[in-house]
Amino acid sequence: MKKTDNKVEEFIRVDHAGERGAVKIYEGQLLALNTIVKNDSLKKTIEDMKEHEIEHCQFFESEIKKRNIKPTKFLPLWDLLGVGLGFGSTLLGKKAAMLCTASVEEVIDKHYLSQINHLGPEEKELKKKITKFRQDEIDHKDIAYEEGASKKGLYSIMDKIIKTGSKIAIRISEKV
């Protein structure tokens, strides 16, 4: 039983960090859209997706408190990197901003699916929430591709960098 508890603790810690990171990425994108890049339709799309991420983040924030789990020590760094990634990707244009979303969501889709498959009946509520959040993330990925995300040319390098960074952040946040 203890092993499952440790695994669930890791799931909640990393999901909290990830959802908070997603909020920060969107905050960075909105910062660019409110200051340098003017694109009201992209701004609306990002604001809508950010609302889901806030909901997800609040759920995991509550789970962290309720279960007395220590958040990752890397939150301040993830916050900074998230805002930077969001801001930078948006400065590169709409395709890059949307690829940022698509790349992160593709990693999170697999990440959440792995958690869903691992969780047993004793974590029915958590499993239900993660399943719902996974669907939101898949929807965000689909929106990103509809809005022009592309992996062609140099975008393929950006995709690999974002996915690698996301996977590293997940591994670190699970443990520390």
N, C-alpha and C. Protein backbone atom coordinates (compact mmCIF):
# COMPACT_ATOMS: atom_id res chain seq x y z
N MET A 1 0.83 -1.21 0.00
CA MET A 1 0.00 0.00 0.00
C MET A 1 0.87 1.26 0.00
N LYS A 2 1.96 1.24 0.72
CA LYS A 2 2.83 2.40 0.80
C LYS A 2 3.36 2.82 -0.59
N LYS A 3 3.68 1.84 -1.41
CA LYS A 3 4.20 2.12 -2.74
C LYS A 3 3.18 2.91 -3.58
N THR A 4 1.92 2.50 -3.51
CA THR A 4 0.86 3.22 -4.22
C THR A 4 0.75 4.65 -3.69
N ASP A 5 0.82 4.79 -2.37
CA ASP A 5 0.74 6.13 -1.77
C ASP A 5 1.86 7.03 -2.31
N ASN A 6 3.08 6.48 -2.37
CA ASN A 6 4.21 7.27 -2.90
C ASN A 6 3.98 7.65 -4.36
N LYS A 7 3.43 6.71 -5.13
CA LYS A 7 3.18 6.96 -6.54
C LYS A 7 2.10 8.05 -6.70
N VAL A 8 1.04 7.94 -5.93
CA VAL A 8 -0.03 8.94 -5.98
C VAL A 8 0.51 10.30 -5.57
N GLU A 9 1.36 10.31 -4.56
CA GLU A 9 1.99 11.57 -4.12
C GLU A 9 2.81 12.18 -5.27
N GLU A 10 3.56 11.34 -5.97
CA GLU A 10 4.32 11.82 -7.13
C GLU A 10 3.39 12.37 -8.21
N PHE A 11 2.30 11.64 -8.48
CA PHE A 11 1.34 12.08 -9.49
C PHE A 11 0.82 13.48 -9.16
N ILE A 12 0.41 13.66 -7.92
CA ILE A 12 -0.19 14.95 -7.53
C ILE A 12 0.86 16.05 -7.56
N ARG A 13 2.06 15.77 -7.07
CA ARG A 13 3.13 16.78 -7.08
C ARG A 13 3.45 17.22 -8.51
N VAL A 14 3.63 16.25 -9.40
CA VAL A 14 4.02 16.59 -10.77
C VAL A 14 2.85 17.23 -11.54
N ASP A 15 1.64 16.77 -11.29
CA ASP A 15 0.49 17.35 -11.98
C ASP A 15 0.25 18.79 -11.53
N HIS A 16 0.46 19.04 -10.25
CA HIS A 16 0.35 20.40 -9.73
C HIS A 16 1.38 21.30 -10.43
N ALA A 17 2.62 20.83 -10.49
CA ALA A 17 3.68 21.61 -11.14
C ALA A 17 3.37 21.81 -12.63
N GLY A 18 2.88 20.76 -13.28
CA GLY A 18 2.59 20.84 -14.71
C GLY A 18 1.46 21.79 -15.04
N GLU A 19 0.41 21.71 -14.25
CA GLU A 19 -0.74 22.60 -14.51
C GLU A 19 -0.38 24.05 -14.20
N ARG A 20 0.40 24.23 -13.15
CA ARG A 20 0.86 25.59 -12.85
C ARG A 20 1.77 26.08 -13.98
N GLY A 21 2.62 25.18 -14.49
CA GLY A 21 3.48 25.54 -15.62
C GLY A 21 2.67 25.94 -16.84
N ALA A 22 1.58 25.22 -17.09
CA ALA A 22 0.72 25.55 -18.23
C ALA A 22 0.12 26.95 -18.07
N VAL A 23 -0.32 27.27 -16.86
CA VAL A 23 -0.86 28.61 -16.58
C VAL A 23 0.23 29.65 -16.88
N LYS A 24 1.46 29.37 -16.45
CA LYS A 24 2.56 30.32 -16.65
C LYS A 24 2.90 30.48 -18.13
N ILE A 25 2.86 29.38 -18.89
CA ILE A 25 3.10 29.48 -20.34
C ILE A 25 2.07 30.41 -20.97
N TYR A 26 0.80 30.20 -20.62
CA TYR A 26 -0.25 31.06 -21.17
C TYR A 26 -0.11 32.49 -20.69
N GLU A 27 0.33 32.69 -19.44
CA GLU A 27 0.56 34.05 -18.96
C GLU A 27 1.66 34.72 -19.79
N GLY A 28 2.72 33.96 -20.11
CA GLY A 28 3.79 34.50 -20.95
C GLY A 28 3.30 34.85 -22.34
N GLN A 29 2.46 33.98 -22.89
CA GLN A 29 1.90 34.25 -24.22
C GLN A 29 1.02 35.49 -24.19
N LEU A 30 0.21 35.60 -23.15
CA LEU A 30 -0.66 36.77 -23.04
C LEU A 30 0.14 38.05 -22.80
N LEU A 31 1.24 37.94 -22.07
CA LEU A 31 2.11 39.11 -21.87
C LEU A 31 2.63 39.60 -23.23
N ALA A 32 3.07 38.69 -24.07
CA ALA A 32 3.54 39.08 -25.41
C ALA A 32 2.40 39.67 -26.23
N LEU A 33 1.22 39.04 -26.13
CA LEU A 33 0.06 39.51 -26.91
C LEU A 33 -0.47 40.85 -26.42
N ASN A 34 -0.26 41.16 -25.16
CA ASN A 34 -0.74 42.44 -24.60
C ASN A 34 0.28 43.56 -24.76
N THR A 35 1.52 43.23 -25.15
CA THR A 35 2.55 44.27 -25.22
C THR A 35 3.14 44.43 -26.62
N ILE A 36 3.55 43.33 -27.23
CA ILE A 36 4.33 43.43 -28.47
C ILE A 36 3.56 42.92 -29.68
N VAL A 37 2.99 41.74 -29.55
CA VAL A 37 2.30 41.08 -30.66
C VAL A 37 0.81 41.37 -30.55
N LYS A 38 0.23 41.89 -31.59
CA LYS A 38 -1.21 42.17 -31.54
C LYS A 38 -1.96 41.14 -32.38
N ASN A 39 -2.75 40.31 -31.69
CA ASN A 39 -3.57 39.31 -32.38
C ASN A 39 -4.72 38.96 -31.43
N ASP A 40 -5.84 39.67 -31.58
CA ASP A 40 -6.96 39.52 -30.65
C ASP A 40 -7.58 38.13 -30.69
N SER A 41 -7.60 37.50 -31.86
CA SER A 41 -8.23 36.18 -31.93
C SER A 41 -7.36 35.14 -31.22
N LEU A 42 -6.03 35.22 -31.39
CA LEU A 42 -5.12 34.32 -30.69
C LEU A 42 -5.21 34.57 -29.18
N LYS A 43 -5.30 35.83 -28.81
CA LYS A 43 -5.42 36.19 -27.39
C LYS A 43 -6.65 35.53 -26.78
N LYS A 44 -7.77 35.57 -27.46
CA LYS A 44 -9.02 34.97 -26.97
C LYS A 44 -8.86 33.45 -26.83
N THR A 45 -8.26 32.81 -27.83
CA THR A 45 -8.04 31.37 -27.80
C THR A 45 -7.20 30.99 -26.57
N ILE A 46 -6.12 31.73 -26.35
CA ILE A 46 -5.21 31.44 -25.23
C ILE A 46 -5.90 31.71 -23.90
N GLU A 47 -6.66 32.79 -23.82
CA GLU A 47 -7.39 33.07 -22.57
C GLU A 47 -8.35 31.94 -22.23
N ASP A 48 -9.04 31.41 -23.24
CA ASP A 48 -9.98 30.31 -23.01
C ASP A 48 -9.25 29.06 -22.50
N MET A 49 -8.12 28.72 -23.12
CA MET A 49 -7.37 27.53 -22.68
C MET A 49 -6.78 27.75 -21.29
N LYS A 50 -6.36 28.96 -21.01
CA LYS A 50 -5.79 29.28 -19.69
C LYS A 50 -6.81 29.03 -18.58
N GLU A 51 -8.08 29.31 -18.85
CA GLU A 51 -9.13 29.07 -17.84
C GLU A 51 -9.18 27.60 -17.42
N HIS A 52 -9.04 26.67 -18.37
CA HIS A 52 -9.03 25.25 -18.04
C HIS A 52 -7.82 24.92 -17.17
N GLU A 53 -6.67 25.50 -17.54
CA GLU A 53 -5.44 25.21 -16.79
C GLU A 53 -5.54 25.73 -15.35
N ILE A 54 -6.20 26.86 -15.18
CA ILE A 54 -6.39 27.40 -13.83
C ILE A 54 -7.25 26.44 -13.02
N GLU A 55 -8.30 25.93 -13.63
CA GLU A 55 -9.18 24.96 -12.95
C GLU A 55 -8.37 23.72 -12.55
N HIS A 56 -7.56 23.20 -13.46
CA HIS A 56 -6.74 22.03 -13.18
C HIS A 56 -5.76 22.31 -12.04
N CYS A 57 -5.10 23.46 -12.13
CA CYS A 57 -4.10 23.85 -11.13
C CYS A 57 -4.74 23.98 -9.75
N GLN A 58 -5.92 24.58 -9.68
CA GLN A 58 -6.61 24.74 -8.39
C GLN A 58 -6.97 23.39 -7.79
N PHE A 59 -7.38 22.44 -8.63
CA PHE A 59 -7.69 21.11 -8.12
C PHE A 59 -6.45 20.48 -7.47
N PHE A 60 -5.31 20.52 -8.19
CA PHE A 60 -4.10 19.89 -7.64
C PHE A 60 -3.54 20.67 -6.46
N GLU A 61 -3.72 21.97 -6.44
CA GLU A 61 -3.33 22.80 -5.29
C GLU A 61 -4.11 22.32 -4.05
N SER A 62 -5.38 22.09 -4.24
CA SER A 62 -6.24 21.61 -3.15
C SER A 62 -5.83 20.21 -2.70
N GLU A 63 -5.48 19.33 -3.67
CA GLU A 63 -5.04 17.97 -3.32
C GLU A 63 -3.72 18.00 -2.55
N ILE A 64 -2.83 18.88 -2.93
CA ILE A 64 -1.53 19.03 -2.24
C ILE A 64 -1.78 19.39 -0.77
N LYS A 65 -2.68 20.33 -0.55
CA LYS A 65 -2.98 20.76 0.83
C LYS A 65 -3.71 19.66 1.59
N LYS A 66 -4.74 19.08 0.97
CA LYS A 66 -5.56 18.07 1.62
C LYS A 66 -4.74 16.84 2.01
N ARG A 67 -3.81 16.44 1.15
CA ARG A 67 -3.03 15.22 1.38
C ARG A 67 -1.67 15.50 2.03
N ASN A 68 -1.42 16.78 2.30
CA ASN A 68 -0.17 17.19 2.94
C ASN A 68 1.06 16.74 2.14
N ILE A 69 1.05 17.06 0.86
CA ILE A 69 2.15 16.72 -0.06
C ILE A 69 2.98 17.97 -0.29
N LYS A 70 4.27 17.82 -0.25
CA LYS A 70 5.14 18.96 -0.54
C LYS A 70 5.19 19.19 -2.05
N PRO A 71 4.94 20.44 -2.49
CA PRO A 71 5.08 20.71 -3.92
C PRO A 71 6.55 20.59 -4.33
N THR A 72 6.80 20.49 -5.62
CA THR A 72 8.19 20.43 -6.08
C THR A 72 8.94 21.70 -5.65
N LYS A 73 10.18 21.51 -5.31
CA LYS A 73 11.03 22.64 -4.92
C LYS A 73 11.37 23.51 -6.14
N PHE A 74 11.07 23.00 -7.32
CA PHE A 74 11.44 23.70 -8.55
C PHE A 74 10.35 24.65 -9.06
N LEU A 75 9.25 24.81 -8.30
CA LEU A 75 8.16 25.69 -8.77
C LEU A 75 8.63 27.07 -9.24
N PRO A 76 9.49 27.75 -8.47
CA PRO A 76 9.91 29.09 -8.95
C PRO A 76 10.64 29.03 -10.30
N LEU A 77 11.46 28.00 -10.50
CA LEU A 77 12.15 27.86 -11.78
C LEU A 77 11.16 27.52 -12.89
N TRP A 78 10.23 26.60 -12.62
CA TRP A 78 9.24 26.23 -13.64
C TRP A 78 8.39 27.45 -14.00
N ASP A 79 8.05 28.29 -13.00
CA ASP A 79 7.28 29.50 -13.27
C ASP A 79 8.02 30.40 -14.27
N LEU A 80 9.28 30.61 -13.97
CA LEU A 80 10.11 31.48 -14.81
C LEU A 80 10.25 30.91 -16.22
N LEU A 81 10.56 29.62 -16.30
CA LEU A 81 10.72 28.99 -17.61
C LEU A 81 9.39 28.96 -18.39
N GLY A 82 8.28 28.75 -17.68
CA GLY A 82 6.97 28.74 -18.33
C GLY A 82 6.64 30.09 -18.95
N VAL A 83 6.81 31.16 -18.18
CA VAL A 83 6.54 32.50 -18.70
C VAL A 83 7.47 32.80 -19.88
N GLY A 84 8.74 32.43 -19.73
CA GLY A 84 9.72 32.66 -20.81
C GLY A 84 9.37 31.90 -22.08
N LEU A 85 8.98 30.63 -21.92
CA LEU A 85 8.59 29.82 -23.08
C LEU A 85 7.36 30.39 -23.76
N GLY A 86 6.38 30.77 -22.98
CA GLY A 86 5.16 31.35 -23.55
C GLY A 86 5.44 32.65 -24.27
N PHE A 87 6.21 33.53 -23.62
CA PHE A 87 6.53 34.83 -24.21
C PHE A 87 7.35 34.64 -25.49
N GLY A 88 8.40 33.84 -25.39
CA GLY A 88 9.29 33.63 -26.52
C GLY A 88 8.61 32.97 -27.71
N SER A 89 7.79 31.97 -27.44
CA SER A 89 7.12 31.28 -28.54
C SER A 89 6.16 32.22 -29.26
N THR A 90 5.52 33.10 -28.51
CA THR A 90 4.57 34.04 -29.11
C THR A 90 5.29 35.11 -29.93
N LEU A 91 6.47 35.51 -29.48
CA LEU A 91 7.25 36.47 -30.27
C LEU A 91 7.62 35.89 -31.63
N LEU A 92 7.74 34.56 -31.71
CA LEU A 92 8.09 33.90 -32.97
C LEU A 92 6.89 33.79 -33.92
N GLY A 93 5.70 34.12 -33.43
CA GLY A 93 4.51 34.11 -34.29
C GLY A 93 3.46 33.11 -33.84
N LYS A 94 2.32 33.19 -34.49
CA LYS A 94 1.17 32.37 -34.12
C LYS A 94 1.46 30.87 -34.24
N LYS A 95 2.12 30.47 -35.34
CA LYS A 95 2.42 29.04 -35.52
C LYS A 95 3.27 28.52 -34.37
N ALA A 96 4.26 29.27 -33.97
CA ALA A 96 5.16 28.87 -32.88
C ALA A 96 4.40 28.84 -31.55
N ALA A 97 3.57 29.84 -31.32
CA ALA A 97 2.79 29.88 -30.08
C ALA A 97 1.87 28.67 -29.98
N MET A 98 1.24 28.33 -31.09
CA MET A 98 0.32 27.19 -31.09
C MET A 98 1.09 25.86 -31.04
N LEU A 99 2.28 25.83 -31.63
CA LEU A 99 3.10 24.62 -31.54
C LEU A 99 3.53 24.39 -30.09
N CYS A 100 3.81 25.47 -29.38
CA CYS A 100 4.16 25.35 -27.96
C CYS A 100 3.05 24.61 -27.22
N THR A 101 1.81 25.01 -27.44
CA THR A 101 0.67 24.34 -26.81
C THR A 101 0.59 22.88 -27.26
N ALA A 102 0.66 22.64 -28.57
CA ALA A 102 0.52 21.28 -29.10
C ALA A 102 1.61 20.36 -28.55
N SER A 103 2.84 20.83 -28.52
CA SER A 103 3.96 20.01 -28.05
C SER A 103 3.81 19.63 -26.59
N VAL A 104 3.48 20.61 -25.76
CA VAL A 104 3.29 20.34 -24.33
C VAL A 104 2.12 19.38 -24.14
N GLU A 105 1.02 19.63 -24.82
CA GLU A 105 -0.18 18.81 -24.62
C GLU A 105 0.03 17.37 -25.09
N GLU A 106 0.85 17.17 -26.12
CA GLU A 106 1.13 15.80 -26.57
C GLU A 106 1.88 15.02 -25.49
N VAL A 107 2.79 15.68 -24.79
CA VAL A 107 3.51 15.03 -23.68
C VAL A 107 2.54 14.76 -22.53
N ILE A 108 1.69 15.73 -22.22
CA ILE A 108 0.77 15.60 -21.09
C ILE A 108 -0.29 14.54 -21.36
N ASP A 109 -0.74 14.43 -22.58
CA ASP A 109 -1.71 13.39 -22.95
C ASP A 109 -1.17 12.02 -22.55
N LYS A 110 0.05 11.69 -22.96
CA LYS A 110 0.66 10.40 -22.63
C LYS A 110 0.91 10.27 -21.13
N HIS A 111 1.35 11.36 -20.53
CA HIS A 111 1.63 11.39 -19.09
C HIS A 111 0.36 11.08 -18.29
N TYR A 112 -0.72 11.77 -18.61
CA TYR A 112 -1.99 11.53 -17.90
C TYR A 112 -2.53 10.12 -18.17
N LEU A 113 -2.40 9.65 -19.40
CA LEU A 113 -2.87 8.31 -19.73
C LEU A 113 -2.14 7.26 -18.88
N SER A 114 -0.86 7.43 -18.72
CA SER A 114 -0.06 6.52 -17.89
C SER A 114 -0.57 6.54 -16.44
N GLN A 115 -0.88 7.73 -15.92
CA GLN A 115 -1.40 7.83 -14.55
C GLN A 115 -2.77 7.17 -14.43
N ILE A 116 -3.63 7.41 -15.41
CA ILE A 116 -4.98 6.83 -15.41
C ILE A 116 -4.88 5.31 -15.37
N ASN A 117 -3.98 4.76 -16.16
CA ASN A 117 -3.80 3.31 -16.21
C ASN A 117 -3.22 2.75 -14.91
N HIS A 118 -2.50 3.57 -14.17
CA HIS A 118 -1.87 3.12 -12.92
C HIS A 118 -2.82 3.20 -11.72
N LEU A 119 -3.70 4.21 -11.70
CA LEU A 119 -4.56 4.44 -10.54
C LEU A 119 -5.60 3.33 -10.38
N GLY A 120 -5.74 2.89 -9.14
CA GLY A 120 -6.70 1.83 -8.83
C GLY A 120 -8.02 2.39 -8.32
N PRO A 121 -8.94 1.51 -7.93
CA PRO A 121 -10.27 1.93 -7.50
C PRO A 121 -10.27 2.78 -6.22
N GLU A 122 -9.21 2.67 -5.42
CA GLU A 122 -9.13 3.47 -4.19
C GLU A 122 -8.92 4.96 -4.50
N GLU A 123 -8.57 5.27 -5.74
CA GLU A 123 -8.36 6.67 -6.15
C GLU A 123 -9.33 7.04 -7.26
N LYS A 124 -10.58 6.61 -7.10
CA LYS A 124 -11.61 6.80 -8.11
C LYS A 124 -11.80 8.29 -8.48
N GLU A 125 -11.88 9.15 -7.47
CA GLU A 125 -12.11 10.59 -7.72
C GLU A 125 -10.93 11.22 -8.46
N LEU A 126 -9.72 10.89 -8.01
CA LEU A 126 -8.51 11.43 -8.65
C LEU A 126 -8.45 10.97 -10.10
N LYS A 127 -8.73 9.71 -10.33
CA LYS A 127 -8.71 9.15 -11.69
C LYS A 127 -9.73 9.85 -12.58
N LYS A 128 -10.92 10.13 -12.02
CA LYS A 128 -11.98 10.81 -12.77
C LYS A 128 -11.53 12.23 -13.18
N LYS A 129 -10.90 12.93 -12.24
CA LYS A 129 -10.42 14.29 -12.52
C LYS A 129 -9.32 14.28 -13.58
N ILE A 130 -8.36 13.37 -13.42
CA ILE A 130 -7.25 13.31 -14.38
C ILE A 130 -7.78 12.94 -15.77
N THR A 131 -8.78 12.07 -15.82
CA THR A 131 -9.39 11.70 -17.10
C THR A 131 -10.03 12.92 -17.76
N LYS A 132 -10.74 13.72 -16.98
CA LYS A 132 -11.37 14.94 -17.51
C LYS A 132 -10.30 15.94 -17.96
N PHE A 133 -9.27 16.12 -17.12
CA PHE A 133 -8.22 17.07 -17.46
C PHE A 133 -7.48 16.62 -18.73
N ARG A 134 -7.27 15.32 -18.87
CA ARG A 134 -6.61 14.79 -20.07
C ARG A 134 -7.41 15.16 -21.31
N GLN A 135 -8.73 15.04 -21.23
CA GLN A 135 -9.57 15.40 -22.37
C GLN A 135 -9.45 16.89 -22.69
N ASP A 136 -9.40 17.74 -21.66
CA ASP A 136 -9.19 19.18 -21.88
C ASP A 136 -7.87 19.41 -22.62
N GLU A 137 -6.82 18.69 -22.21
CA GLU A 137 -5.51 18.86 -22.84
C GLU A 137 -5.53 18.40 -24.30
N ILE A 138 -6.22 17.31 -24.57
CA ILE A 138 -6.36 16.83 -25.95
C ILE A 138 -7.11 17.88 -26.77
N ASP A 139 -8.14 18.47 -26.18
CA ASP A 139 -8.89 19.53 -26.87
C ASP A 139 -7.97 20.72 -27.18
N HIS A 140 -7.11 21.10 -26.22
CA HIS A 140 -6.18 22.21 -26.43
C HIS A 140 -5.23 21.89 -27.59
N LYS A 141 -4.74 20.65 -27.62
CA LYS A 141 -3.84 20.23 -28.70
C LYS A 141 -4.56 20.36 -30.05
N ASP A 142 -5.80 19.88 -30.11
CA ASP A 142 -6.57 19.95 -31.35
C ASP A 142 -6.79 21.40 -31.78
N ILE A 143 -7.11 22.26 -30.84
CA ILE A 143 -7.28 23.69 -31.13
C ILE A 143 -5.98 24.27 -31.68
N ALA A 144 -4.86 23.90 -31.06
CA ALA A 144 -3.56 24.42 -31.50
C ALA A 144 -3.30 24.07 -32.96
N TYR A 145 -3.60 22.83 -33.34
CA TYR A 145 -3.39 22.44 -34.75
C TYR A 145 -4.38 23.15 -35.66
N GLU A 146 -5.62 23.32 -35.22
CA GLU A 146 -6.61 24.06 -36.01
C GLU A 146 -6.16 25.51 -36.22
N GLU A 147 -5.46 26.05 -35.22
CA GLU A 147 -5.00 27.45 -35.27
C GLU A 147 -3.65 27.61 -35.97
N GLY A 148 -3.10 26.51 -36.51
CA GLY A 148 -1.90 26.66 -37.33
C GLY A 148 -0.61 26.05 -36.79
N ALA A 149 -0.64 25.35 -35.67
CA ALA A 149 0.58 24.70 -35.19
C ALA A 149 1.13 23.80 -36.28
N SER A 150 2.44 23.80 -36.41
CA SER A 150 3.09 23.01 -37.46
C SER A 150 4.40 22.46 -36.94
N LYS A 151 4.76 21.27 -37.44
CA LYS A 151 6.06 20.68 -37.08
C LYS A 151 6.96 20.63 -38.31
N LYS A 152 6.63 21.40 -39.32
CA LYS A 152 7.41 21.41 -40.56
C LYS A 152 8.66 22.28 -40.39
N GLY A 153 9.72 21.90 -41.07
CA GLY A 153 10.94 22.70 -41.07
C GLY A 153 11.53 22.88 -39.68
N LEU A 154 11.90 24.12 -39.38
CA LEU A 154 12.52 24.42 -38.09
C LEU A 154 11.57 24.20 -36.91
N TYR A 155 10.28 24.20 -37.18
CA TYR A 155 9.32 23.95 -36.10
C TYR A 155 9.52 22.56 -35.50
N SER A 156 10.04 21.63 -36.29
CA SER A 156 10.27 20.27 -35.77
C SER A 156 11.31 20.30 -34.65
N ILE A 157 12.29 21.20 -34.77
CA ILE A 157 13.31 21.34 -33.73
C ILE A 157 12.68 21.93 -32.47
N MET A 158 11.87 22.94 -32.65
CA MET A 158 11.18 23.56 -31.52
C MET A 158 10.31 22.52 -30.80
N ASP A 159 9.62 21.69 -31.57
CA ASP A 159 8.77 20.64 -31.00
C ASP A 159 9.61 19.70 -30.12
N LYS A 160 10.74 19.27 -30.62
CA LYS A 160 11.61 18.34 -29.88
C LYS A 160 12.15 18.99 -28.60
N ILE A 161 12.54 20.25 -28.69
CA ILE A 161 13.08 20.97 -27.52
C ILE A 161 12.00 21.09 -26.44
N ILE A 162 10.80 21.51 -26.82
CA ILE A 162 9.71 21.68 -25.86
C ILE A 162 9.34 20.34 -25.23
N LYS A 163 9.24 19.29 -26.05
CA LYS A 163 8.88 17.97 -25.51
C LYS A 163 9.96 17.44 -24.57
N THR A 164 11.21 17.61 -24.93
CA THR A 164 12.30 17.15 -24.08
C THR A 164 12.29 17.92 -22.75
N GLY A 165 12.14 19.22 -22.84
CA GLY A 165 12.07 20.05 -21.62
C GLY A 165 10.91 19.65 -20.74
N SER A 166 9.76 19.38 -21.34
CA SER A 166 8.58 18.97 -20.57
C SER A 166 8.83 17.64 -19.86
N LYS A 167 9.43 16.70 -20.57
CA LYS A 167 9.70 15.38 -19.98
C LYS A 167 10.71 15.48 -18.83
N ILE A 168 11.71 16.32 -18.99
CA ILE A 168 12.70 16.52 -17.92
C ILE A 168 12.02 17.14 -16.70
N ALA A 169 11.19 18.15 -16.93
CA ALA A 169 10.49 18.80 -15.82
C ALA A 169 9.58 17.80 -15.09
N ILE A 170 8.94 16.92 -15.84
CA ILE A 170 8.09 15.90 -15.22
C ILE A 170 8.92 14.99 -14.32
N ARG A 171 10.03 14.48 -14.83
CA ARG A 171 10.87 13.55 -14.05
C ARG A 171 11.38 14.21 -12.77
N ILE A 172 11.83 15.44 -12.90
CA ILE A 172 12.36 16.15 -11.72
C ILE A 172 11.24 16.42 -10.72
N SER A 173 10.10 16.89 -11.20
CA SER A 173 9.00 17.28 -10.31
C SER A 173 8.39 16.08 -9.59
N GLU A 174 8.47 14.90 -10.18
CA GLU A 174 7.94 13.71 -9.50
C GLU A 174 8.73 13.46 -8.21
N LYS A 175 10.03 13.70 -8.24
CA LYS A 175 10.91 13.29 -7.15
C LYS A 175 11.29 14.40 -6.18
N VAL A 176 11.40 15.63 -6.68
CA VAL A 176 11.94 16.70 -5.83
C VAL A 176 10.92 17.82 -5.63
